[in-house]
Amino acid sequence: MIYGCIDIGSNTTRLLVAEPSDGRLREVLQQRAFTRQGKGLKRDDAIPPGKVEEVAEVVATQVRVARELEADDLRVLATAAIRTAANRDELVDAVRERSGVDVHVLDEDEEARLAFLGATRMLTHPVEGEVAVVDVGGGSSEIAVGTVDEGVRWSASFRIGSGLLADSYLHSDPPAIEELTAVRAVVAGTFEGLALDSPALAVAVGGSATSLRRLVGAELNHETLERGVRVLATTPIGEVAQRFELEAERVRLLPAGILILETVSDQLGRALQIGKGGLREGAILERIAAAAA
């Protein structure tokens, strides 16, 4: 059985096609388009009509790709930027009309739970104790804490993401020190008072975390993340993109993502390991479990 999941986020629209393999997943295809439907949007703003049409067309193309790969079980999910948009139903209707599939708009708890499931079930080693999963997206960031066997014990969603922060504060190329300072202040204020016990393992998922593997390596601690900030603050976006084989748009958003991850890592008192799975993997694993029940 081949499974597919399309995730309509704030920055990107992503397709994952995978199949079960030894209790985990074997990736068949992963495809990403920078659609930036959340660009400049505040809570309850409307997604521009042109962007609705663009996203609907991208999803329709990804649905065709998934079907060509014989993905019979296909889910299309939408996260924070769509969830809080005033005209989210217009986008849902446009996608259904263009591609023939329904969009499930995740609530905050579902988003955190699926990211946790994907991150923990794709681990390559057993973990004794609690795991914290940090999912930094374009329009929101989720933290979920729990165990591999029992799932999420606690989760919270924060209306702060790499796209929102970059659009609001990062306008120079490379970003100016005062712009980064402003982002640091907003991030610090958002997570002020967050009191969590240090987990046995902390995992970072989402576009920022995945991109950082190329920039700083697989472990995200204060030192490596600060090194990443220094590179991004002193090197033009195009040069970073070419050197590390990243999309220029991702590089533009990356300083904001780093500063969120750094703050959460400091709060947890634990370095973050970059996960091999996240929301899309979680959604597919959930479908596999339901089919086997």
C-alpha atoms as a PDB file:
ATOM      1  CA  MET A   1       0.000   0.000   0.000  1.00  0.00           C
ATOM      2  CA  ILE A   2       1.311   3.448  -0.946  1.00  0.00           C
ATOM      3  CA  TYR A   3       0.334   6.450   1.177  1.00  0.00           C
ATOM      4  CA  GLY A   4       0.507  10.144   0.490  1.00  0.00           C
ATOM      5  CA  CYS A   5       0.195  13.319   2.550  1.00  0.00           C
ATOM      6  CA  ILE A   6       0.116  16.926   1.368  1.00  0.00           C
ATOM      7  CA  ASP A   7       0.710  19.581   4.012  1.00  0.00           C
ATOM      8  CA  ILE A   8      -0.412  23.145   3.222  1.00  0.00           C
ATOM      9  CA  GLY A   9       1.622  25.285   5.582  1.00  0.00           C
ATOM     10  CA  SER A  10       2.405  28.959   5.861  1.00  0.00           C
ATOM     11  CA  ASN A  11       5.581  28.855   3.767  1.00  0.00           C
ATOM     12  CA  THR A  12       5.356  25.689   1.717  1.00  0.00           C
ATOM     13  CA  THR A  13       3.015  23.108   0.284  1.00  0.00           C
ATOM     14  CA  ARG A  14       4.686  19.706   0.674  1.00  0.00           C
ATOM     15  CA  LEU A  15       3.956  16.247  -0.657  1.00  0.00           C
ATOM     16  CA  LEU A  16       5.244  13.046   0.926  1.00  0.00           C
ATOM     17  CA  VAL A  17       4.633   9.658  -0.691  1.00  0.00           C
ATOM     18  CA  ALA A  18       5.753   6.690   1.406  1.00  0.00           C
ATOM     19  CA  GLU A  19       5.098   3.046   2.186  1.00  0.00           C
ATOM     20  CA  PRO A  20       5.349   0.981   5.385  1.00  0.00           C
ATOM     21  CA  SER A  21       8.739  -0.553   6.123  1.00  0.00           C
ATOM     22  CA  ASP A  22       9.584  -2.411   9.341  1.00  0.00           C
ATOM     23  CA  GLY A  23       7.207  -0.365  11.464  1.00  0.00           C
ATOM     24  CA  ARG A  24       8.432   2.928  10.030  1.00  0.00           C
ATOM     25  CA  LEU A  25       8.221   4.489   6.574  1.00  0.00           C
ATOM     26  CA  ARG A  26      10.195   4.246   3.382  1.00  0.00           C
ATOM     27  CA  GLU A  27      10.094   7.482   1.447  1.00  0.00           C
ATOM     28  CA  VAL A  28       9.067   7.113  -2.192  1.00  0.00           C
ATOM     29  CA  LEU A  29       8.994  10.821  -3.036  1.00  0.00           C
ATOM     30  CA  GLN A  30       9.115  14.159  -1.292  1.00  0.00           C
ATOM     31  CA  GLN A  31       8.206  17.348  -3.149  1.00  0.00           C
ATOM     32  CA  ARG A  32       8.018  20.944  -1.943  1.00  0.00           C
ATOM     33  CA  ALA A  33       6.762  24.227  -3.376  1.00  0.00           C
ATOM     34  CA  PHE A  34       7.315  27.616  -1.709  1.00  0.00           C
ATOM     35  CA  THR A  35       3.787  29.006  -1.939  1.00  0.00           C
ATOM     36  CA  ARG A  36       4.032  31.491   0.995  1.00  0.00           C
ATOM     37  CA  GLN A  37       0.264  31.710   1.485  1.00  0.00           C
ATOM     38  CA  GLY A  38       0.894  32.992   4.999  1.00  0.00           C
ATOM     39  CA  LYS A  39       3.154  35.846   3.882  1.00  0.00           C
ATOM     40  CA  GLY A  40       2.266  39.005   5.746  1.00  0.00           C
ATOM     41  CA  LEU A  41      -0.921  37.512   7.171  1.00  0.00           C
ATOM     42  CA  LYS A  42      -2.035  38.307  10.682  1.00  0.00           C
ATOM     43  CA  ARG A  43      -4.674  36.312  12.538  1.00  0.00           C
ATOM     44  CA  ASP A  44      -8.076  36.521  10.806  1.00  0.00           C
ATOM     45  CA  ASP A  45      -6.607  38.134   7.666  1.00  0.00           C
ATOM     46  CA  ALA A  46      -7.799  36.771   4.324  1.00  0.00           C
ATOM     47  CA  ILE A  47      -5.496  34.896   1.967  1.00  0.00           C
ATOM     48  CA  PRO A  48      -5.322  36.919  -1.306  1.00  0.00           C
ATOM     49  CA  PRO A  49      -7.434  35.433  -4.138  1.00  0.00           C
ATOM     50  CA  GLY A  50      -4.403  34.964  -6.369  1.00  0.00           C
ATOM     51  CA  LYS A  51      -2.644  33.005  -3.652  1.00  0.00           C
ATOM     52  CA  VAL A  52      -5.724  30.805  -3.136  1.00  0.00           C
ATOM     53  CA  GLU A  53      -5.621  29.896  -6.827  1.00  0.00           C
ATOM     54  CA  GLU A  54      -1.868  29.295  -6.746  1.00  0.00           C
ATOM     55  CA  VAL A  55      -2.108  26.933  -3.788  1.00  0.00           C
ATOM     56  CA  ALA A  56      -5.047  25.081  -5.330  1.00  0.00           C
ATOM     57  CA  GLU A  57      -3.057  24.552  -8.527  1.00  0.00           C
ATOM     58  CA  VAL A  58       0.039  23.363  -6.633  1.00  0.00           C
ATOM     59  CA  VAL A  59      -2.044  20.888  -4.616  1.00  0.00           C
ATOM     60  CA  ALA A  60      -3.736  19.630  -7.789  1.00  0.00           C
ATOM     61  CA  THR A  61      -0.332  18.997  -9.349  1.00  0.00           C
ATOM     62  CA  GLN A  62       0.900  17.193  -6.235  1.00  0.00           C
ATOM     63  CA  VAL A  63      -2.256  15.081  -6.118  1.00  0.00           C
ATOM     64  CA  ARG A  64      -1.605  14.009  -9.732  1.00  0.00           C
ATOM     65  CA  VAL A  65       1.992  13.104  -8.847  1.00  0.00           C
ATOM     66  CA  ALA A  66       0.836  11.058  -5.846  1.00  0.00           C
ATOM     67  CA  ARG A  67      -1.757   9.221  -7.938  1.00  0.00           C
ATOM     68  CA  GLU A  68       0.845   8.458 -10.621  1.00  0.00           C
ATOM     69  CA  LEU A  69       2.914   6.835  -7.876  1.00  0.00           C
ATOM     70  CA  GLU A  70      -0.162   4.756  -6.954  1.00  0.00           C
ATOM     71  CA  ALA A  71      -0.829   6.460  -3.629  1.00  0.00           C
ATOM     72  CA  ASP A  72      -4.370   5.239  -3.036  1.00  0.00           C
ATOM     73  CA  ASP A  73      -4.566   6.640   0.486  1.00  0.00           C
ATOM     74  CA  LEU A  74      -3.968  10.390   0.240  1.00  0.00           C
ATOM     75  CA  ARG A  75      -4.536  13.066   2.901  1.00  0.00           C
ATOM     76  CA  VAL A  76      -4.386  16.820   2.420  1.00  0.00           C
ATOM     77  CA  LEU A  77      -3.834  18.768   5.636  1.00  0.00           C
ATOM     78  CA  ALA A  78      -3.678  22.486   6.409  1.00  0.00           C
ATOM     79  CA  THR A  79      -1.940  24.065   9.388  1.00  0.00           C
ATOM     80  CA  ALA A  80      -1.854  27.406  11.240  1.00  0.00           C
ATOM     81  CA  ALA A  81      -1.797  29.937   8.381  1.00  0.00           C
ATOM     82  CA  ILE A  82      -4.899  28.358   6.869  1.00  0.00           C
ATOM     83  CA  ARG A  83      -6.547  27.587  10.199  1.00  0.00           C
ATOM     84  CA  THR A  84      -6.603  31.249  11.241  1.00  0.00           C
ATOM     85  CA  ALA A  85      -7.357  32.794   7.833  1.00  0.00           C
ATOM     86  CA  ALA A  86     -10.691  34.572   7.473  1.00  0.00           C
ATOM     87  CA  ASN A  87     -11.352  32.858   4.122  1.00  0.00           C
ATOM     88  CA  ARG A  88      -9.971  29.412   4.825  1.00  0.00           C
ATOM     89  CA  ASP A  89     -13.140  27.832   3.420  1.00  0.00           C
ATOM     90  CA  GLU A  90     -12.429  29.483   0.063  1.00  0.00           C
ATOM     91  CA  LEU A  91      -9.064  27.751  -0.112  1.00  0.00           C
ATOM     92  CA  VAL A  92     -10.563  24.427   0.984  1.00  0.00           C
ATOM     93  CA  ASP A  93     -13.259  24.738  -1.710  1.00  0.00           C
ATOM     94  CA  ALA A  94     -10.726  25.759  -4.376  1.00  0.00           C
ATOM     95  CA  VAL A  95      -8.538  22.751  -3.628  1.00  0.00           C
ATOM     96  CA  ARG A  96     -11.527  20.389  -3.707  1.00  0.00           C
ATOM     97  CA  GLU A  97     -12.731  21.844  -7.015  1.00  0.00           C
ATOM     98  CA  ARG A  98      -9.291  21.727  -8.646  1.00  0.00           C
ATOM     99  CA  SER A  99      -8.050  18.365  -7.376  1.00  0.00           C
ATOM    100  CA  GLY A 100     -11.089  16.450  -6.149  1.00  0.00           C
ATOM    101  CA  VAL A 101      -9.721  15.938  -2.634  1.00  0.00           C
ATOM    102  CA  ASP A 102     -10.870  17.326   0.701  1.00  0.00           C
ATOM    103  CA  VAL A 103      -8.623  19.402   2.945  1.00  0.00           C
ATOM    104  CA  HIS A 104      -8.608  18.678   6.661  1.00  0.00           C
ATOM    105  CA  VAL A 105      -7.743  21.827   8.613  1.00  0.00           C
ATOM    106  CA  LEU A 106      -5.836  20.686  11.682  1.00  0.00           C
ATOM    107  CA  ASP A 107      -6.512  22.234  15.055  1.00  0.00           C
ATOM    108  CA  GLU A 108      -3.583  23.057  17.349  1.00  0.00           C
ATOM    109  CA  ASP A 109      -3.729  19.774  19.255  1.00  0.00           C
ATOM    110  CA  GLU A 110      -3.863  17.672  16.082  1.00  0.00           C
ATOM    111  CA  GLU A 111      -0.920  19.538  14.583  1.00  0.00           C
ATOM    112  CA  ALA A 112       1.224  18.941  17.672  1.00  0.00           C
ATOM    113  CA  ARG A 113       0.107  15.304  18.003  1.00  0.00           C
ATOM    114  CA  LEU A 114       0.914  14.375  14.394  1.00  0.00           C
ATOM    115  CA  ALA A 115       4.313  16.095  14.516  1.00  0.00           C
ATOM    116  CA  PHE A 116       5.083  14.203  17.752  1.00  0.00           C
ATOM    117  CA  LEU A 117       3.967  10.902  16.246  1.00  0.00           C
ATOM    118  CA  GLY A 118       6.067  11.370  13.118  1.00  0.00           C
ATOM    119  CA  ALA A 119       9.140  12.505  15.035  1.00  0.00           C
ATOM    120  CA  THR A 120       9.085   9.763  17.679  1.00  0.00           C
ATOM    121  CA  ARG A 121       8.108   6.824  15.456  1.00  0.00           C
ATOM    122  CA  MET A 122      10.877   7.657  12.991  1.00  0.00           C
ATOM    123  CA  LEU A 123      13.578   7.597  15.672  1.00  0.00           C
ATOM    124  CA  THR A 124      16.370   5.125  14.985  1.00  0.00           C
ATOM    125  CA  HIS A 125      16.999   4.279  18.640  1.00  0.00           C
ATOM    126  CA  PRO A 126      14.842   3.602  21.728  1.00  0.00           C
ATOM    127  CA  VAL A 127      14.293   6.395  24.251  1.00  0.00           C
ATOM    128  CA  GLU A 128      13.710   5.926  27.957  1.00  0.00           C
ATOM    129  CA  GLY A 129      11.759   8.840  29.388  1.00  0.00           C
ATOM    130  CA  GLU A 130      10.014  11.803  27.870  1.00  0.00           C
ATOM    131  CA  VAL A 131      10.595  13.335  24.459  1.00  0.00           C
ATOM    132  CA  ALA A 132       9.957  16.963  23.522  1.00  0.00           C
ATOM    133  CA  VAL A 133       9.164  17.650  19.869  1.00  0.00           C
ATOM    134  CA  VAL A 134       9.546  21.212  18.613  1.00  0.00           C
ATOM    135  CA  ASP A 135       7.863  21.960  15.288  1.00  0.00           C
ATOM    136  CA  VAL A 136       8.737  25.413  13.926  1.00  0.00           C
ATOM    137  CA  GLY A 137       6.584  26.309  10.947  1.00  0.00           C
ATOM    138  CA  GLY A 138       6.047  29.474   9.017  1.00  0.00           C
ATOM    139  CA  GLY A 139       2.983  30.669  10.897  1.00  0.00           C
ATOM    140  CA  SER A 140       3.175  28.914  14.245  1.00  0.00           C
ATOM    141  CA  SER A 141       5.400  26.788  16.449  1.00  0.00           C
ATOM    142  CA  GLU A 142       4.267  23.758  18.406  1.00  0.00           C
ATOM    143  CA  ILE A 143       5.872  22.026  21.377  1.00  0.00           C
ATOM    144  CA  ALA A 144       4.683  18.568  22.370  1.00  0.00           C
ATOM    145  CA  VAL A 145       5.953  16.489  25.300  1.00  0.00           C
ATOM    146  CA  GLY A 146       5.263  12.827  25.932  1.00  0.00           C
ATOM    147  CA  THR A 147       6.615   9.321  25.532  1.00  0.00           C
ATOM    148  CA  VAL A 148       7.057   7.105  22.517  1.00  0.00           C
ATOM    149  CA  ASP A 149       4.654   4.462  23.882  1.00  0.00           C
ATOM    150  CA  GLU A 150       1.938   6.687  25.349  1.00  0.00           C
ATOM    151  CA  GLY A 151       2.015   9.680  23.028  1.00  0.00           C
ATOM    152  CA  VAL A 152       1.543  13.353  23.871  1.00  0.00           C
ATOM    153  CA  ARG A 153       1.114  14.317  27.522  1.00  0.00           C
ATOM    154  CA  TRP A 154       1.248  18.098  27.034  1.00  0.00           C
ATOM    155  CA  SER A 155       1.327  20.394  24.036  1.00  0.00           C
ATOM    156  CA  ALA A 156       1.060  24.075  23.218  1.00  0.00           C
ATOM    157  CA  SER A 157       0.922  26.141  20.040  1.00  0.00           C
ATOM    158  CA  PHE A 158       2.512  29.570  19.752  1.00  0.00           C
ATOM    159  CA  ARG A 159       1.512  32.100  17.105  1.00  0.00           C
ATOM    160  CA  ILE A 160       5.088  32.682  16.070  1.00  0.00           C
ATOM    161  CA  GLY A 161       6.886  31.228  13.069  1.00  0.00           C
ATOM    162  CA  SER A 162       9.768  31.789  10.671  1.00  0.00           C
ATOM    163  CA  GLY A 163       7.587  33.354   7.981  1.00  0.00           C
ATOM    164  CA  LEU A 164       5.722  35.731  10.271  1.00  0.00           C
ATOM    165  CA  LEU A 165       8.923  36.953  11.921  1.00  0.00           C
ATOM    166  CA  ALA A 166      10.927  37.268   8.695  1.00  0.00           C
ATOM    167  CA  ASP A 167       8.147  39.206   6.969  1.00  0.00           C
ATOM    168  CA  SER A 168       7.797  41.547   9.933  1.00  0.00           C
ATOM    169  CA  TYR A 169      11.439  42.200  10.831  1.00  0.00           C
ATOM    170  CA  LEU A 170      14.017  40.816   8.382  1.00  0.00           C
ATOM    171  CA  HIS A 171      14.194  43.178   5.424  1.00  0.00           C
ATOM    172  CA  SER A 172      17.954  43.480   4.741  1.00  0.00           C
ATOM    173  CA  ASP A 173      20.211  41.115   2.813  1.00  0.00           C
ATOM    174  CA  PRO A 174      21.941  39.850   4.886  1.00  0.00           C
ATOM    175  CA  PRO A 175      19.762  40.696   7.910  1.00  0.00           C
ATOM    176  CA  ALA A 176      20.992  43.607   9.988  1.00  0.00           C
ATOM    177  CA  ILE A 177      21.984  43.194  13.633  1.00  0.00           C
ATOM    178  CA  GLU A 178      19.134  45.439  14.794  1.00  0.00           C
ATOM    179  CA  GLU A 179      16.649  43.328  12.823  1.00  0.00           C
ATOM    180  CA  LEU A 180      17.900  40.141  14.446  1.00  0.00           C
ATOM    181  CA  THR A 181      17.795  41.839  17.843  1.00  0.00           C
ATOM    182  CA  ALA A 182      14.139  42.698  17.266  1.00  0.00           C
ATOM    183  CA  VAL A 183      13.362  39.071  16.389  1.00  0.00           C
ATOM    184  CA  ARG A 184      15.189  37.857  19.501  1.00  0.00           C
ATOM    185  CA  ALA A 185      13.075  40.181  21.656  1.00  0.00           C
ATOM    186  CA  VAL A 186       9.779  38.966  20.161  1.00  0.00           C
ATOM    187  CA  VAL A 187      10.790  35.309  20.529  1.00  0.00           C
ATOM    188  CA  ALA A 188      11.954  35.831  24.120  1.00  0.00           C
ATOM    189  CA  GLY A 189       8.684  37.531  24.994  1.00  0.00           C
ATOM    190  CA  THR A 190       6.631  34.756  23.415  1.00  0.00           C
ATOM    191  CA  PHE A 191       8.279  31.979  25.425  1.00  0.00           C
ATOM    192  CA  GLU A 192       8.798  33.944  28.634  1.00  0.00           C
ATOM    193  CA  GLY A 193       7.504  31.954  31.581  1.00  0.00           C
ATOM    194  CA  LEU A 194       7.513  28.645  29.725  1.00  0.00           C
ATOM    195  CA  ALA A 195       8.549  26.133  32.372  1.00  0.00           C
ATOM    196  CA  LEU A 196       9.217  22.601  31.155  1.00  0.00           C
ATOM    197  CA  ASP A 197      11.283  19.833  32.682  1.00  0.00           C
ATOM    198  CA  SER A 198      14.318  18.840  30.671  1.00  0.00           C
ATOM    199  CA  PRO A 199      13.324  15.786  28.598  1.00  0.00           C
ATOM    200  CA  ALA A 200      15.397  12.697  27.879  1.00  0.00           C
ATOM    201  CA  LEU A 201      15.445  13.735  24.220  1.00  0.00           C
ATOM    202  CA  ALA A 202      14.420  16.853  22.312  1.00  0.00           C
ATOM    203  CA  VAL A 203      13.675  16.665  18.581  1.00  0.00           C
ATOM    204  CA  ALA A 204      13.260  19.522  16.101  1.00  0.00           C
ATOM    205  CA  VAL A 205      11.083  19.110  13.010  1.00  0.00           C
ATOM    206  CA  GLY A 206       9.825  21.434  10.294  1.00  0.00           C
ATOM    207  CA  GLY A 207      11.435  23.293   7.414  1.00  0.00           C
ATOM    208  CA  SER A 208      13.876  25.344   9.485  1.00  0.00           C
ATOM    209  CA  ALA A 209      15.211  22.301  11.312  1.00  0.00           C
ATOM    210  CA  THR A 210      15.590  20.266   8.128  1.00  0.00           C
ATOM    211  CA  SER A 211      17.506  23.065   6.395  1.00  0.00           C
ATOM    212  CA  LEU A 212      19.822  23.516   9.370  1.00  0.00           C
ATOM    213  CA  ARG A 213      21.201  19.998   8.922  1.00  0.00           C
ATOM    214  CA  ARG A 214      23.177  21.337   5.943  1.00  0.00           C
ATOM    215  CA  LEU A 215      24.163  24.573   7.641  1.00  0.00           C
ATOM    216  CA  VAL A 216      25.244  23.464  11.139  1.00  0.00           C
ATOM    217  CA  GLY A 217      24.852  19.676  11.414  1.00  0.00           C
ATOM    218  CA  ALA A 218      22.388  17.295  13.038  1.00  0.00           C
ATOM    219  CA  GLU A 219      22.579  18.644  16.609  1.00  0.00           C
ATOM    220  CA  LEU A 220      21.140  22.064  17.364  1.00  0.00           C
ATOM    221  CA  ASN A 221      22.588  23.529  20.538  1.00  0.00           C
ATOM    222  CA  HIS A 222      23.197  27.132  21.541  1.00  0.00           C
ATOM    223  CA  GLU A 223      26.705  27.188  20.090  1.00  0.00           C
ATOM    224  CA  THR A 224      25.856  25.634  16.708  1.00  0.00           C
ATOM    225  CA  LEU A 225      22.730  27.759  16.310  1.00  0.00           C
ATOM    226  CA  GLU A 226      24.648  30.952  17.098  1.00  0.00           C
ATOM    227  CA  ARG A 227      27.205  29.900  14.488  1.00  0.00           C
ATOM    228  CA  GLY A 228      24.365  29.584  12.007  1.00  0.00           C
ATOM    229  CA  VAL A 229      23.105  33.060  12.894  1.00  0.00           C
ATOM    230  CA  ARG A 230      26.593  34.515  12.325  1.00  0.00           C
ATOM    231  CA  VAL A 231      26.803  32.936   8.871  1.00  0.00           C
ATOM    232  CA  LEU A 232      23.374  34.248   7.908  1.00  0.00           C
ATOM    233  CA  ALA A 233      24.075  37.720   9.331  1.00  0.00           C
ATOM    234  CA  THR A 234      27.297  38.181   7.370  1.00  0.00           C
ATOM    235  CA  THR A 235      26.608  36.455   4.045  1.00  0.00           C
ATOM    236  CA  PRO A 236      24.147  37.461   1.287  1.00  0.00           C
ATOM    237  CA  ILE A 237      21.139  35.189   0.887  1.00  0.00           C
ATOM    238  CA  GLY A 238      22.069  34.074  -2.620  1.00  0.00           C
ATOM    239  CA  GLU A 239      25.581  33.075  -1.554  1.00  0.00           C
ATOM    240  CA  VAL A 240      24.291  31.023   1.403  1.00  0.00           C
ATOM    241  CA  ALA A 241      21.724  29.348  -0.831  1.00  0.00           C
ATOM    242  CA  GLN A 242      24.365  28.356  -3.371  1.00  0.00           C
ATOM    243  CA  ARG A 243      26.954  27.243  -0.817  1.00  0.00           C
ATOM    244  CA  PHE A 244      24.592  25.019   1.176  1.00  0.00           C
ATOM    245  CA  GLU A 245      22.246  24.002  -1.674  1.00  0.00           C
ATOM    246  CA  LEU A 246      19.174  25.614  -0.125  1.00  0.00           C
ATOM    247  CA  GLU A 247      16.343  27.589  -1.702  1.00  0.00           C
ATOM    248  CA  ALA A 248      16.917  31.328  -1.401  1.00  0.00           C
ATOM    249  CA  GLU A 249      13.463  31.806   0.128  1.00  0.00           C
ATOM    250  CA  ARG A 250      14.274  29.273   2.838  1.00  0.00           C
ATOM    251  CA  VAL A 251      17.540  31.084   3.599  1.00  0.00           C
ATOM    252  CA  ARG A 252      15.633  34.356   3.996  1.00  0.00           C
ATOM    253  CA  LEU A 253      13.372  32.773   6.628  1.00  0.00           C
ATOM    254  CA  LEU A 254      16.066  30.741   8.364  1.00  0.00           C
ATOM    255  CA  PRO A 255      17.404  33.344  10.857  1.00  0.00           C
ATOM    256  CA  ALA A 256      13.938  33.645  12.411  1.00  0.00           C
ATOM    257  CA  GLY A 257      13.582  29.858  12.597  1.00  0.00           C
ATOM    258  CA  ILE A 258      16.996  29.531  14.229  1.00  0.00           C
ATOM    259  CA  LEU A 259      16.174  32.074  16.931  1.00  0.00           C
ATOM    260  CA  ILE A 260      12.949  30.237  17.805  1.00  0.00           C
ATOM    261  CA  LEU A 261      14.743  26.891  18.003  1.00  0.00           C
ATOM    262  CA  GLU A 262      17.564  28.387  20.068  1.00  0.00           C
ATOM    263  CA  THR A 263      15.177  29.887  22.612  1.00  0.00           C
ATOM    264  CA  VAL A 264      13.180  26.674  22.999  1.00  0.00           C
ATOM    265  CA  SER A 265      16.363  24.620  23.308  1.00  0.00           C
ATOM    266  CA  ASP A 266      17.581  26.947  26.054  1.00  0.00           C
ATOM    267  CA  GLN A 267      14.225  26.677  27.837  1.00  0.00           C
ATOM    268  CA  LEU A 268      14.329  22.875  27.675  1.00  0.00           C
ATOM    269  CA  GLY A 269      17.949  22.740  28.778  1.00  0.00           C
ATOM    270  CA  ARG A 270      18.595  20.228  26.023  1.00  0.00           C
ATOM    271  CA  ALA A 271      20.151  20.301  22.555  1.00  0.00           C
ATOM    272  CA  LEU A 272      17.712  19.532  19.738  1.00  0.00           C
ATOM    273  CA  GLN A 273      18.236  16.578  17.424  1.00  0.00           C
ATOM    274  CA  ILE A 274      16.936  17.111  13.895  1.00  0.00           C
ATOM    275  CA  GLY A 275      14.143  14.620  13.356  1.00  0.00           C
ATOM    276  CA  LYS A 276      13.731  12.227  10.450  1.00  0.00           C
ATOM    277  CA  GLY A 277       9.956  12.592  10.531  1.00  0.00           C
ATOM    278  CA  GLY A 278       7.322  15.168  11.347  1.00  0.00           C
ATOM    279  CA  LEU A 279       3.718  16.044  10.634  1.00  0.00           C
ATOM    280  CA  ARG A 280       3.401  14.332   7.238  1.00  0.00           C
ATOM    281  CA  GLU A 281       5.045  11.143   8.482  1.00  0.00           C
ATOM    282  CA  GLY A 282       2.790  11.226  11.533  1.00  0.00           C
ATOM    283  CA  ALA A 283      -0.312  11.576   9.371  1.00  0.00           C
ATOM    284  CA  ILE A 284       0.676   8.585   7.236  1.00  0.00           C
ATOM    285  CA  LEU A 285       1.618   6.442  10.238  1.00  0.00           C
ATOM    286  CA  GLU A 286      -1.751   7.235  11.780  1.00  0.00           C
ATOM    287  CA  ARG A 287      -3.514   6.018   8.615  1.00  0.00           C
ATOM    288  CA  ILE A 288      -1.457   2.837   8.576  1.00  0.00           C
ATOM    289  CA  ALA A 289      -2.375   2.133  12.202  1.00  0.00           C
ATOM    290  CA  ALA A 290      -6.068   2.771  11.483  1.00  0.00           C
ATOM    291  CA  ALA A 291      -6.006   0.405   8.517  1.00  0.00           C
ATOM    292  CA  ALA A 292      -4.429  -2.334  10.637  1.00  0.00           C
ATOM    293  CA  ALA A 293      -6.884  -1.940  13.523  1.00  0.00           C
END
